[in-house]
Amino acid sequence: MTTEDADSVHIQTDEQLRAVASHTRHRILRVLRDGPATITQIAERLGIAKGSSNHHVKVLAKAGLVAVVETRKVGGVTEQYYAMTGRRIELPEPGAGQPETLMRHALADVEDAPPNEQKTIALNHARLSPEAWEEFNKRVHALMAELKELSDPTQPAADLFIAFYRPKDV
């Protein structure tokens, strides 16, 4: 589902595709969804080296996905705060046989998430008529819209990973 709006960054170049193809850069974008952060703050939040954080942020900046939004002088050091250039990133539809990049990153996030009571994972199978498919698909999109409305930036992050599809029958 693609939503056209002025607050979206539409991935169009190979450089942008390579930038979002990295799971580390995906995680950096997750951090920046919550607000601007410095290279050091990003590294600390993700538990990665500052040099690695710097490299990946520079790749995202070169691709136009993040930008410096504030600069502060702290002691003798200038800190740059980076933010996403849009609230959402729109990927082109993958061609036949190409990976669903965001879904692969989301699955990696699910696998990395600590086990706790705030994690629900399920896989259900059903056989649906075209009409039932459409009705359920509408309900899934309504649920995603409801989650978006409930979002409170002061609260801990929560992700909804959905893949509703017709599998290739064997």
N, C-alpha and C. Protein backbone atom coordinates (compact mmCIF):
# COMPACT_ATOMS: atom_id res chain seq x y z
N MET A 1 0.85 -1.18 0.00
CA MET A 1 0.00 0.00 0.00
C MET A 1 0.89 1.23 0.00
N THR A 2 0.72 2.11 -0.94
CA THR A 2 1.53 3.31 -1.05
C THR A 2 0.67 4.52 -0.78
N THR A 3 1.18 5.41 0.04
CA THR A 3 0.48 6.63 0.35
C THR A 3 1.28 7.80 -0.19
N GLU A 4 0.68 8.58 -1.07
CA GLU A 4 1.35 9.75 -1.62
C GLU A 4 1.15 10.93 -0.67
N ASP A 5 2.21 11.50 -0.17
CA ASP A 5 2.10 12.73 0.60
C ASP A 5 3.43 13.45 0.57
N ALA A 6 3.37 14.74 0.89
CA ALA A 6 4.56 15.58 0.80
C ALA A 6 5.58 15.24 1.87
N ASP A 7 5.18 14.52 2.89
CA ASP A 7 6.08 14.20 3.99
C ASP A 7 6.78 12.84 3.78
N SER A 8 6.66 12.29 2.58
CA SER A 8 7.29 11.01 2.27
C SER A 8 8.53 11.22 1.41
N VAL A 9 9.52 10.38 1.64
CA VAL A 9 10.69 10.32 0.77
C VAL A 9 10.48 9.10 -0.11
N HIS A 10 10.42 9.31 -1.41
CA HIS A 10 10.20 8.22 -2.34
C HIS A 10 11.56 7.72 -2.86
N ILE A 11 11.88 6.50 -2.53
CA ILE A 11 13.14 5.90 -2.94
C ILE A 11 13.11 5.68 -4.44
N GLN A 12 14.08 6.30 -5.14
CA GLN A 12 14.06 6.22 -6.60
C GLN A 12 15.42 5.85 -7.18
N THR A 13 16.50 6.12 -6.48
CA THR A 13 17.82 5.88 -7.05
C THR A 13 18.46 4.62 -6.47
N ASP A 14 19.43 4.09 -7.19
CA ASP A 14 20.17 2.93 -6.69
C ASP A 14 20.88 3.27 -5.38
N GLU A 15 21.39 4.49 -5.27
CA GLU A 15 22.07 4.92 -4.04
C GLU A 15 21.11 4.88 -2.86
N GLN A 16 19.88 5.34 -3.06
CA GLN A 16 18.89 5.30 -1.99
C GLN A 16 18.51 3.86 -1.65
N LEU A 17 18.36 3.01 -2.65
CA LEU A 17 18.03 1.61 -2.41
C LEU A 17 19.14 0.92 -1.60
N ARG A 18 20.39 1.19 -1.96
CA ARG A 18 21.50 0.60 -1.20
C ARG A 18 21.51 1.13 0.24
N ALA A 19 21.16 2.39 0.41
CA ALA A 19 21.16 2.99 1.76
C ALA A 19 20.13 2.30 2.66
N VAL A 20 18.95 2.00 2.15
CA VAL A 20 17.92 1.38 2.99
C VAL A 20 18.06 -0.14 3.05
N ALA A 21 18.94 -0.70 2.23
CA ALA A 21 19.10 -2.16 2.21
C ALA A 21 19.88 -2.69 3.43
N SER A 22 20.57 -1.82 4.14
CA SER A 22 21.36 -2.22 5.30
C SER A 22 20.49 -2.26 6.56
N HIS A 23 20.59 -3.37 7.28
CA HIS A 23 19.82 -3.49 8.53
C HIS A 23 20.28 -2.46 9.56
N THR A 24 21.57 -2.17 9.62
CA THR A 24 22.07 -1.15 10.56
C THR A 24 21.48 0.21 10.23
N ARG A 25 21.42 0.55 8.95
CA ARG A 25 20.84 1.85 8.58
C ARG A 25 19.33 1.86 8.84
N HIS A 26 18.68 0.75 8.67
CA HIS A 26 17.27 0.62 9.03
C HIS A 26 17.09 0.93 10.53
N ARG A 27 17.96 0.38 11.35
CA ARG A 27 17.89 0.61 12.80
C ARG A 27 18.17 2.08 13.13
N ILE A 28 19.08 2.71 12.39
CA ILE A 28 19.36 4.14 12.61
C ILE A 28 18.11 4.96 12.27
N LEU A 29 17.45 4.64 11.20
CA LEU A 29 16.21 5.35 10.85
C LEU A 29 15.16 5.17 11.93
N ARG A 30 15.13 4.00 12.55
CA ARG A 30 14.21 3.76 13.69
C ARG A 30 14.50 4.74 14.82
N VAL A 31 15.78 4.92 15.13
CA VAL A 31 16.16 5.86 16.19
C VAL A 31 15.72 7.27 15.82
N LEU A 32 15.96 7.65 14.59
CA LEU A 32 15.65 9.02 14.16
C LEU A 32 14.16 9.28 13.99
N ARG A 33 13.35 8.22 13.92
CA ARG A 33 11.89 8.41 13.90
C ARG A 33 11.43 9.09 15.18
N ASP A 34 12.16 8.84 16.27
CA ASP A 34 11.77 9.41 17.56
C ASP A 34 12.23 10.84 17.73
N GLY A 35 13.08 11.33 16.84
CA GLY A 35 13.56 12.69 16.93
C GLY A 35 15.03 12.77 16.59
N PRO A 36 15.54 13.99 16.42
CA PRO A 36 16.94 14.18 16.05
C PRO A 36 17.90 13.58 17.08
N ALA A 37 19.06 13.14 16.59
CA ALA A 37 20.08 12.56 17.47
C ALA A 37 21.45 12.77 16.85
N THR A 38 22.45 12.77 17.70
CA THR A 38 23.83 12.88 17.24
C THR A 38 24.38 11.51 16.90
N ILE A 39 25.52 11.49 16.24
CA ILE A 39 26.21 10.23 15.91
C ILE A 39 26.44 9.43 17.19
N THR A 40 26.88 10.10 18.25
CA THR A 40 27.16 9.44 19.53
C THR A 40 25.89 8.87 20.14
N GLN A 41 24.81 9.65 20.13
CA GLN A 41 23.55 9.17 20.69
C GLN A 41 23.02 7.95 19.92
N ILE A 42 23.16 7.98 18.61
CA ILE A 42 22.73 6.85 17.78
C ILE A 42 23.55 5.62 18.13
N ALA A 43 24.87 5.78 18.21
CA ALA A 43 25.75 4.66 18.54
C ALA A 43 25.39 4.06 19.90
N GLU A 44 25.14 4.91 20.88
CA GLU A 44 24.79 4.43 22.22
C GLU A 44 23.45 3.69 22.22
N ARG A 45 22.45 4.25 21.53
CA ARG A 45 21.13 3.60 21.49
C ARG A 45 21.18 2.24 20.82
N LEU A 46 22.03 2.10 19.80
CA LEU A 46 22.08 0.84 19.04
C LEU A 46 23.17 -0.11 19.53
N GLY A 47 24.04 0.38 20.42
CA GLY A 47 25.12 -0.48 20.90
C GLY A 47 26.15 -0.77 19.83
N ILE A 48 26.43 0.22 18.98
CA ILE A 48 27.43 0.05 17.93
C ILE A 48 28.55 1.08 18.13
N ALA A 49 29.65 0.88 17.44
CA ALA A 49 30.79 1.81 17.55
C ALA A 49 30.41 3.16 16.94
N LYS A 50 30.97 4.21 17.51
CA LYS A 50 30.70 5.57 17.02
C LYS A 50 31.14 5.71 15.55
N GLY A 51 32.25 5.10 15.19
CA GLY A 51 32.72 5.15 13.81
C GLY A 51 31.75 4.48 12.85
N SER A 52 31.17 3.37 13.29
CA SER A 52 30.17 2.67 12.47
C SER A 52 28.93 3.53 12.33
N SER A 53 28.49 4.12 13.42
CA SER A 53 27.34 5.02 13.40
C SER A 53 27.59 6.17 12.42
N ASN A 54 28.76 6.76 12.50
CA ASN A 54 29.13 7.87 11.63
C ASN A 54 29.07 7.45 10.16
N HIS A 55 29.66 6.30 9.84
CA HIS A 55 29.67 5.82 8.45
C HIS A 55 28.24 5.65 7.92
N HIS A 56 27.41 4.96 8.68
CA HIS A 56 26.06 4.67 8.21
C HIS A 56 25.20 5.94 8.10
N VAL A 57 25.36 6.87 9.03
CA VAL A 57 24.61 8.13 8.94
C VAL A 57 25.05 8.91 7.70
N LYS A 58 26.33 8.91 7.40
CA LYS A 58 26.84 9.61 6.20
C LYS A 58 26.24 9.00 4.92
N VAL A 59 26.12 7.66 4.88
CA VAL A 59 25.51 7.00 3.72
C VAL A 59 24.05 7.44 3.58
N LEU A 60 23.32 7.47 4.70
CA LEU A 60 21.92 7.90 4.68
C LEU A 60 21.80 9.37 4.26
N ALA A 61 22.73 10.20 4.74
CA ALA A 61 22.70 11.62 4.39
C ALA A 61 22.99 11.81 2.90
N LYS A 62 23.97 11.10 2.38
CA LYS A 62 24.32 11.21 0.96
C LYS A 62 23.14 10.78 0.08
N ALA A 63 22.35 9.83 0.56
CA ALA A 63 21.18 9.35 -0.18
C ALA A 63 19.97 10.27 0.00
N GLY A 64 20.10 11.30 0.85
CA GLY A 64 19.01 12.25 1.05
C GLY A 64 17.94 11.78 2.02
N LEU A 65 18.25 10.77 2.84
CA LEU A 65 17.26 10.22 3.76
C LEU A 65 17.34 10.85 5.15
N VAL A 66 18.49 11.40 5.50
CA VAL A 66 18.65 12.13 6.76
C VAL A 66 19.43 13.40 6.46
N ALA A 67 19.32 14.37 7.36
CA ALA A 67 20.03 15.63 7.19
C ALA A 67 20.33 16.23 8.56
N VAL A 68 21.31 17.09 8.61
CA VAL A 68 21.63 17.83 9.84
C VAL A 68 20.53 18.87 10.04
N VAL A 69 19.91 18.84 11.23
CA VAL A 69 18.83 19.78 11.52
C VAL A 69 19.21 20.78 12.60
N GLU A 70 20.30 20.49 13.30
CA GLU A 70 20.75 21.39 14.37
C GLU A 70 22.22 21.15 14.65
N THR A 71 22.92 22.21 14.98
CA THR A 71 24.33 22.12 15.36
C THR A 71 24.50 22.85 16.69
N ARG A 72 25.17 22.18 17.64
CA ARG A 72 25.40 22.78 18.96
C ARG A 72 26.89 22.69 19.29
N LYS A 73 27.38 23.73 19.95
CA LYS A 73 28.75 23.75 20.46
C LYS A 73 28.71 23.26 21.90
N VAL A 74 29.38 22.17 22.18
CA VAL A 74 29.45 21.63 23.54
C VAL A 74 30.93 21.54 23.89
N GLY A 75 31.35 22.41 24.81
CA GLY A 75 32.79 22.49 25.09
C GLY A 75 33.50 22.96 23.83
N GLY A 76 34.49 22.22 23.39
CA GLY A 76 35.19 22.57 22.16
C GLY A 76 34.74 21.74 20.98
N VAL A 77 33.64 21.01 21.15
CA VAL A 77 33.17 20.09 20.11
C VAL A 77 31.85 20.58 19.53
N THR A 78 31.72 20.48 18.22
CA THR A 78 30.47 20.81 17.56
C THR A 78 29.69 19.52 17.35
N GLU A 79 28.48 19.46 17.91
CA GLU A 79 27.62 18.29 17.74
C GLU A 79 26.59 18.58 16.66
N GLN A 80 26.43 17.62 15.77
CA GLN A 80 25.42 17.75 14.72
C GLN A 80 24.28 16.79 15.03
N TYR A 81 23.07 17.30 14.97
CA TYR A 81 21.88 16.50 15.20
C TYR A 81 21.26 16.15 13.84
N TYR A 82 21.06 14.87 13.61
CA TYR A 82 20.48 14.38 12.36
C TYR A 82 19.02 14.02 12.57
N ALA A 83 18.24 14.20 11.51
CA ALA A 83 16.83 13.79 11.52
C ALA A 83 16.49 13.25 10.15
N MET A 84 15.42 12.48 10.10
CA MET A 84 14.93 11.98 8.81
C MET A 84 14.43 13.16 7.99
N THR A 85 14.57 13.08 6.68
CA THR A 85 14.11 14.16 5.80
C THR A 85 12.62 14.07 5.51
N GLY A 86 12.00 12.96 5.87
CA GLY A 86 10.56 12.79 5.73
C GLY A 86 10.07 11.88 6.84
N ARG A 87 8.79 11.96 7.14
CA ARG A 87 8.25 11.11 8.22
C ARG A 87 8.14 9.65 7.80
N ARG A 88 8.07 9.41 6.50
CA ARG A 88 7.97 8.04 6.03
C ARG A 88 8.83 7.86 4.78
N ILE A 89 9.22 6.62 4.53
CA ILE A 89 10.00 6.28 3.36
C ILE A 89 9.17 5.33 2.52
N GLU A 90 9.00 5.67 1.26
CA GLU A 90 8.23 4.85 0.33
C GLU A 90 9.19 4.13 -0.61
N LEU A 91 9.15 2.81 -0.56
CA LEU A 91 9.97 2.00 -1.45
C LEU A 91 9.20 1.66 -2.72
N PRO A 92 9.91 1.51 -3.83
CA PRO A 92 9.20 1.04 -5.02
C PRO A 92 8.79 -0.41 -4.83
N GLU A 93 7.78 -0.84 -5.56
CA GLU A 93 7.34 -2.23 -5.49
C GLU A 93 8.48 -3.10 -6.02
N PRO A 94 8.83 -4.17 -5.29
CA PRO A 94 9.89 -5.04 -5.79
C PRO A 94 9.41 -5.82 -7.01
N GLY A 95 10.33 -6.08 -7.89
CA GLY A 95 10.00 -6.90 -9.06
C GLY A 95 9.94 -8.37 -8.67
N ALA A 96 9.51 -9.19 -9.59
CA ALA A 96 9.41 -10.63 -9.33
C ALA A 96 10.77 -11.17 -8.89
N GLY A 97 10.76 -11.90 -7.78
CA GLY A 97 11.99 -12.51 -7.28
C GLY A 97 12.87 -11.60 -6.46
N GLN A 98 12.52 -10.31 -6.35
CA GLN A 98 13.31 -9.38 -5.54
C GLN A 98 12.83 -9.42 -4.10
N PRO A 99 13.74 -9.21 -3.14
CA PRO A 99 13.33 -9.29 -1.73
C PRO A 99 12.49 -8.09 -1.30
N GLU A 100 11.63 -8.31 -0.35
CA GLU A 100 10.87 -7.25 0.31
C GLU A 100 11.78 -6.70 1.41
N THR A 101 12.60 -5.71 1.08
CA THR A 101 13.65 -5.22 1.97
C THR A 101 13.14 -4.85 3.35
N LEU A 102 12.09 -4.05 3.42
CA LEU A 102 11.60 -3.61 4.73
C LEU A 102 11.08 -4.78 5.56
N MET A 103 10.45 -5.75 4.91
CA MET A 103 9.95 -6.91 5.64
C MET A 103 11.11 -7.74 6.19
N ARG A 104 12.19 -7.86 5.44
CA ARG A 104 13.35 -8.59 5.93
C ARG A 104 13.96 -7.88 7.15
N HIS A 105 14.02 -6.55 7.09
CA HIS A 105 14.54 -5.80 8.24
C HIS A 105 13.61 -5.94 9.44
N ALA A 106 12.32 -5.86 9.19
CA ALA A 106 11.36 -5.99 10.29
C ALA A 106 11.45 -7.38 10.92
N LEU A 107 11.60 -8.40 10.10
CA LEU A 107 11.75 -9.76 10.63
C LEU A 107 13.02 -9.86 11.47
N ALA A 108 14.10 -9.24 11.02
CA ALA A 108 15.34 -9.24 11.82
C ALA A 108 15.11 -8.53 13.15
N ASP A 109 14.32 -7.44 13.13
CA ASP A 109 14.00 -6.73 14.38
C ASP A 109 13.19 -7.62 15.32
N VAL A 110 12.24 -8.37 14.76
CA VAL A 110 11.43 -9.28 15.57
C VAL A 110 12.34 -10.33 16.22
N GLU A 111 13.25 -10.88 15.43
CA GLU A 111 14.15 -11.91 15.94
C GLU A 111 15.09 -11.35 17.02
N ASP A 112 15.46 -10.07 16.89
CA ASP A 112 16.37 -9.44 17.86
C ASP A 112 15.66 -8.93 19.11
N ALA A 113 14.35 -8.79 19.04
CA ALA A 113 13.60 -8.24 20.18
C ALA A 113 13.72 -9.17 21.38
N PRO A 114 13.90 -8.59 22.57
CA PRO A 114 14.03 -9.44 23.76
C PRO A 114 12.72 -10.17 24.05
N PRO A 115 12.82 -11.38 24.55
CA PRO A 115 11.59 -12.11 24.89
C PRO A 115 10.93 -11.42 26.09
N ASN A 116 9.67 -11.11 25.95
CA ASN A 116 8.91 -10.53 27.06
C ASN A 116 7.43 -10.68 26.77
N GLU A 117 6.62 -10.19 27.69
CA GLU A 117 5.18 -10.32 27.54
C GLU A 117 4.61 -9.36 26.50
N GLN A 118 5.41 -8.44 25.98
CA GLN A 118 4.92 -7.49 24.98
C GLN A 118 5.45 -7.85 23.60
N LYS A 119 5.24 -9.10 23.22
CA LYS A 119 5.65 -9.57 21.91
C LYS A 119 4.68 -10.68 21.50
N THR A 120 4.00 -10.47 20.40
CA THR A 120 3.05 -11.46 19.91
C THR A 120 3.48 -11.87 18.51
N ILE A 121 3.69 -13.15 18.32
CA ILE A 121 4.06 -13.67 17.00
C ILE A 121 3.13 -14.83 16.69
N ALA A 122 2.53 -14.79 15.53
CA ALA A 122 1.62 -15.86 15.13
C ALA A 122 1.65 -16.01 13.62
N LEU A 123 1.37 -17.21 13.16
CA LEU A 123 1.23 -17.47 11.73
C LEU A 123 -0.06 -18.25 11.56
N ASN A 124 -0.99 -17.69 10.82
CA ASN A 124 -2.28 -18.34 10.59
C ASN A 124 -2.46 -18.61 9.10
N HIS A 125 -3.10 -19.71 8.81
CA HIS A 125 -3.41 -20.08 7.42
C HIS A 125 -4.92 -20.10 7.27
N ALA A 126 -5.41 -19.64 6.13
CA ALA A 126 -6.83 -19.70 5.84
C ALA A 126 -7.03 -19.82 4.34
N ARG A 127 -8.15 -20.32 3.95
CA ARG A 127 -8.54 -20.35 2.53
C ARG A 127 -9.70 -19.37 2.41
N LEU A 128 -9.50 -18.32 1.58
CA LEU A 128 -10.48 -17.24 1.51
C LEU A 128 -10.97 -17.00 0.10
N SER A 129 -12.26 -16.70 0.00
CA SER A 129 -12.82 -16.26 -1.28
C SER A 129 -12.26 -14.87 -1.58
N PRO A 130 -12.33 -14.43 -2.83
CA PRO A 130 -11.88 -13.06 -3.14
C PRO A 130 -12.61 -12.00 -2.31
N GLU A 131 -13.88 -12.22 -2.03
CA GLU A 131 -14.65 -11.26 -1.23
C GLU A 131 -14.17 -11.24 0.23
N ALA A 132 -13.94 -12.42 0.78
CA ALA A 132 -13.43 -12.50 2.16
C ALA A 132 -12.04 -11.89 2.24
N TRP A 133 -11.23 -12.13 1.21
CA TRP A 133 -9.88 -11.55 1.15
C TRP A 133 -9.99 -10.02 1.24
N GLU A 134 -10.82 -9.42 0.41
CA GLU A 134 -10.96 -7.96 0.38
C GLU A 134 -11.45 -7.42 1.72
N GLU A 135 -12.42 -8.07 2.31
CA GLU A 135 -12.96 -7.62 3.60
C GLU A 135 -11.89 -7.67 4.69
N PHE A 136 -11.17 -8.78 4.75
CA PHE A 136 -10.14 -8.91 5.78
C PHE A 136 -9.02 -7.90 5.53
N ASN A 137 -8.65 -7.70 4.27
CA ASN A 137 -7.60 -6.74 3.92
C ASN A 137 -7.99 -5.33 4.37
N LYS A 138 -9.25 -4.95 4.20
CA LYS A 138 -9.74 -3.64 4.67
C LYS A 138 -9.60 -3.54 6.18
N ARG A 139 -9.92 -4.61 6.90
CA ARG A 139 -9.82 -4.62 8.36
C ARG A 139 -8.38 -4.49 8.81
N VAL A 140 -7.45 -5.15 8.09
CA VAL A 140 -6.03 -5.03 8.42
C VAL A 140 -5.57 -3.58 8.28
N HIS A 141 -5.95 -2.93 7.18
CA HIS A 141 -5.57 -1.53 6.96
C HIS A 141 -6.20 -0.61 7.99
N ALA A 142 -7.43 -0.91 8.41
CA ALA A 142 -8.08 -0.11 9.45
C ALA A 142 -7.34 -0.27 10.78
N LEU A 143 -6.89 -1.48 11.07
CA LEU A 143 -6.13 -1.72 12.29
C LEU A 143 -4.81 -0.95 12.28
N MET A 144 -4.14 -0.93 11.13
CA MET A 144 -2.89 -0.16 11.02
C MET A 144 -3.14 1.33 11.20
N ALA A 145 -4.24 1.83 10.64
CA ALA A 145 -4.59 3.25 10.81
C ALA A 145 -4.89 3.56 12.27
N GLU A 146 -5.58 2.63 12.94
CA GLU A 146 -5.88 2.81 14.37
C GLU A 146 -4.60 2.87 15.20
N LEU A 147 -3.66 1.99 14.88
CA LEU A 147 -2.38 2.00 15.60
C LEU A 147 -1.66 3.32 15.40
N LYS A 148 -1.67 3.84 14.18
CA LYS A 148 -1.04 5.13 13.89
C LYS A 148 -1.67 6.25 14.72
N GLU A 149 -2.99 6.22 14.87
CA GLU A 149 -3.71 7.23 15.67
C GLU A 149 -3.35 7.14 17.15
N LEU A 150 -3.10 5.94 17.64
CA LEU A 150 -2.77 5.73 19.05
C LEU A 150 -1.34 6.11 19.40
N SER A 151 -0.51 6.30 18.38
CA SER A 151 0.92 6.54 18.60
C SER A 151 1.16 7.78 19.46
N ASP A 152 2.00 7.61 20.48
CA ASP A 152 2.38 8.69 21.39
C ASP A 152 3.90 8.70 21.45
N PRO A 153 4.55 9.74 20.91
CA PRO A 153 6.02 9.76 20.85
C PRO A 153 6.71 9.72 22.21
N THR A 154 5.96 9.92 23.30
CA THR A 154 6.58 9.87 24.63
C THR A 154 6.64 8.46 25.18
N GLN A 155 6.03 7.51 24.49
CA GLN A 155 5.96 6.13 24.97
C GLN A 155 6.98 5.25 24.25
N PRO A 156 7.26 4.07 24.81
CA PRO A 156 8.20 3.16 24.15
C PRO A 156 7.69 2.75 22.77
N ALA A 157 8.62 2.47 21.88
CA ALA A 157 8.27 2.08 20.51
C ALA A 157 7.59 0.72 20.47
N ALA A 158 6.69 0.57 19.53
CA ALA A 158 6.04 -0.71 19.25
C ALA A 158 5.85 -0.78 17.74
N ASP A 159 6.14 -1.92 17.15
CA ASP A 159 5.99 -2.10 15.71
C ASP A 159 4.96 -3.17 15.43
N LEU A 160 4.25 -2.99 14.35
CA LEU A 160 3.31 -3.99 13.86
C LEU A 160 3.85 -4.48 12.53
N PHE A 161 4.15 -5.75 12.45
CA PHE A 161 4.72 -6.38 11.26
C PHE A 161 3.65 -7.27 10.67
N ILE A 162 3.12 -6.89 9.50
CA ILE A 162 2.03 -7.65 8.89
C ILE A 162 2.43 -8.05 7.48
N ALA A 163 2.16 -9.29 7.17
CA ALA A 163 2.30 -9.76 5.79
C ALA A 163 1.05 -10.60 5.51
N PHE A 164 0.09 -10.03 4.84
CA PHE A 164 -1.13 -10.74 4.47
C PHE A 164 -1.03 -10.99 2.98
N TYR A 165 -0.95 -12.22 2.59
CA TYR A 165 -0.66 -12.54 1.19
C TYR A 165 -1.23 -13.91 0.82
N ARG A 166 -1.31 -14.13 -0.45
CA ARG A 166 -1.66 -15.45 -0.96
C ARG A 166 -0.35 -16.14 -1.32
N PRO A 167 -0.03 -17.25 -0.65
CA PRO A 167 1.22 -17.93 -0.95
C PRO A 167 1.18 -18.64 -2.30
N LYS A 168 2.34 -18.87 -2.81
CA LYS A 168 2.47 -19.64 -4.04
C LYS A 168 2.18 -21.10 -3.69
N ASP A 169 1.07 -21.61 -4.15
CA ASP A 169 0.71 -23.00 -3.84
C ASP A 169 1.63 -23.95 -4.59
N VAL A 170 1.98 -25.03 -3.91
CA VAL A 170 2.85 -26.03 -4.55
C VAL A 170 2.05 -27.25 -4.94
